[in-house]
C-alpha atoms as a PDB file:
ATOM      1  CA  MET A   1      16.867   8.779   2.541  1.00  0.00           C
ATOM      2  CA  ARG A   2      18.737   5.748   1.428  1.00  0.00           C
ATOM      3  CA  PRO A   3      18.228   4.605  -2.188  1.00  0.00           C
ATOM      4  CA  TRP A   4      17.202   1.069  -1.160  1.00  0.00           C
ATOM      5  CA  TYR A   5      14.518   2.506   1.140  1.00  0.00           C
ATOM      6  CA  ILE A   6      13.050   4.528  -1.708  1.00  0.00           C
ATOM      7  CA  ALA A   7      13.201   1.514  -4.052  1.00  0.00           C
ATOM      8  CA  ILE A   8      11.453  -0.809  -1.585  1.00  0.00           C
ATOM      9  CA  ASN A   9       8.717   1.744  -0.897  1.00  0.00           C
ATOM     10  CA  GLY A  10       8.273   2.330  -4.621  1.00  0.00           C
ATOM     11  CA  VAL A  11       7.858  -1.391  -5.293  1.00  0.00           C
ATOM     12  CA  LEU A  12       5.390  -1.823  -2.419  1.00  0.00           C
ATOM     13  CA  ILE A  13       3.345   1.183  -3.500  1.00  0.00           C
ATOM     14  CA  PHE A  14       3.274  -0.076  -7.096  1.00  0.00           C
ATOM     15  CA  LEU A  15       2.190  -3.599  -6.057  1.00  0.00           C
ATOM     16  CA  GLY A  16      -0.519  -2.142  -3.826  1.00  0.00           C
ATOM     17  CA  TYR A  17      -1.730   0.007  -6.700  1.00  0.00           C
ATOM     18  CA  LEU A  18      -1.929  -3.052  -8.984  1.00  0.00           C
ATOM     19  CA  ALA A  19      -3.890  -4.960  -6.330  1.00  0.00           C
ATOM     20  CA  PHE A  20      -6.228  -2.007  -5.931  1.00  0.00           C
ATOM     21  CA  LYS A  21      -6.854  -1.874  -9.699  1.00  0.00           C
ATOM     22  CA  ALA A  22      -7.493  -5.653  -9.889  1.00  0.00           C
ATOM     23  CA  THR A  23     -10.052  -5.790  -7.062  1.00  0.00           C
ATOM     24  CA  ASP A  24     -13.491  -6.913  -8.226  1.00  0.00           C
ATOM     25  CA  LEU A  25     -16.114  -7.132  -5.484  1.00  0.00           C
ATOM     26  CA  ASP A  26     -18.640  -8.881  -7.757  1.00  0.00           C
ATOM     27  CA  SER A  27     -16.291 -11.684  -8.778  1.00  0.00           C
ATOM     28  CA  PRO A  28     -17.178 -15.244  -7.716  1.00  0.00           C
ATOM     29  CA  ASP A  29     -13.459 -15.954  -7.330  1.00  0.00           C
ATOM     30  CA  PRO A  30     -12.516 -15.343  -3.673  1.00  0.00           C
ATOM     31  CA  PHE A  31      -9.058 -14.086  -4.665  1.00  0.00           C
ATOM     32  CA  TYR A  32     -10.480 -11.050  -6.432  1.00  0.00           C
ATOM     33  CA  SER A  33     -13.361 -10.384  -4.044  1.00  0.00           C
ATOM     34  CA  VAL A  34     -11.783 -11.129  -0.644  1.00  0.00           C
ATOM     35  CA  THR A  35      -8.008 -11.440  -0.755  1.00  0.00           C
ATOM     36  CA  LEU A  36      -7.384  -8.312  -2.792  1.00  0.00           C
ATOM     37  CA  VAL A  37      -9.727  -6.330  -0.548  1.00  0.00           C
ATOM     38  CA  LEU A  38      -7.585  -7.331   2.424  1.00  0.00           C
ATOM     39  CA  VAL A  39      -4.454  -6.404   0.465  1.00  0.00           C
ATOM     40  CA  ASP A  40      -6.046  -3.026  -0.299  1.00  0.00           C
ATOM     41  CA  MET A  41      -6.692  -2.415   3.401  1.00  0.00           C
ATOM     42  CA  VAL A  42      -3.084  -3.271   4.272  1.00  0.00           C
ATOM     43  CA  TYR A  43      -1.931  -1.024   1.421  1.00  0.00           C
ATOM     44  CA  CYS A  44      -3.940   1.914   2.775  1.00  0.00           C
ATOM     45  CA  MET A  45      -2.545   1.344   6.268  1.00  0.00           C
ATOM     46  CA  TYR A  46       0.965   1.234   4.797  1.00  0.00           C
ATOM     47  CA  LEU A  47       0.425   4.562   3.009  1.00  0.00           C
ATOM     48  CA  LEU A  48      -0.932   6.118   6.216  1.00  0.00           C
ATOM     49  CA  LEU A  49       2.085   4.808   8.120  1.00  0.00           C
ATOM     50  CA  LEU A  50       4.422   6.379   5.548  1.00  0.00           C
ATOM     51  CA  LEU A  51       2.495   9.643   5.847  1.00  0.00           C
ATOM     52  CA  PHE A  52       2.720   9.689   9.652  1.00  0.00           C
ATOM     53  CA  ILE A  53       6.438   8.857   9.548  1.00  0.00           C
ATOM     54  CA  GLU A  54       7.031  11.723   7.124  1.00  0.00           C
ATOM     55  CA  ILE A  55       5.018  14.132   9.288  1.00  0.00           C
ATOM     56  CA  TYR A  56       6.957  13.014  12.371  1.00  0.00           C
ATOM     57  CA  ASN A  57      10.308  13.436  10.616  1.00  0.00           C
ATOM     58  CA  ARG A  58       9.442  16.925   9.367  1.00  0.00           C
ATOM     59  CA  THR A  59       8.042  18.005  12.736  1.00  0.00           C
ATOM     60  CA  TRP A  60      10.891  16.897  14.983  1.00  0.00           C
ATOM     61  CA  ARG A  61      13.856  17.841  12.783  1.00  0.00           C
END
């Protein structure tokens, strides 16, 4: 893997983790109760995509 690819994935995973930790479903502020939930869903899809790409690369090489 290229170093920039690892760095970009590391930053995205870290930002997703911070958003996941900051989510508060009981907050009256829509940023914490709605926006971060959507970010968390995108983050989970991103992690699943990385997992499937890794499985594909290990299977077909």
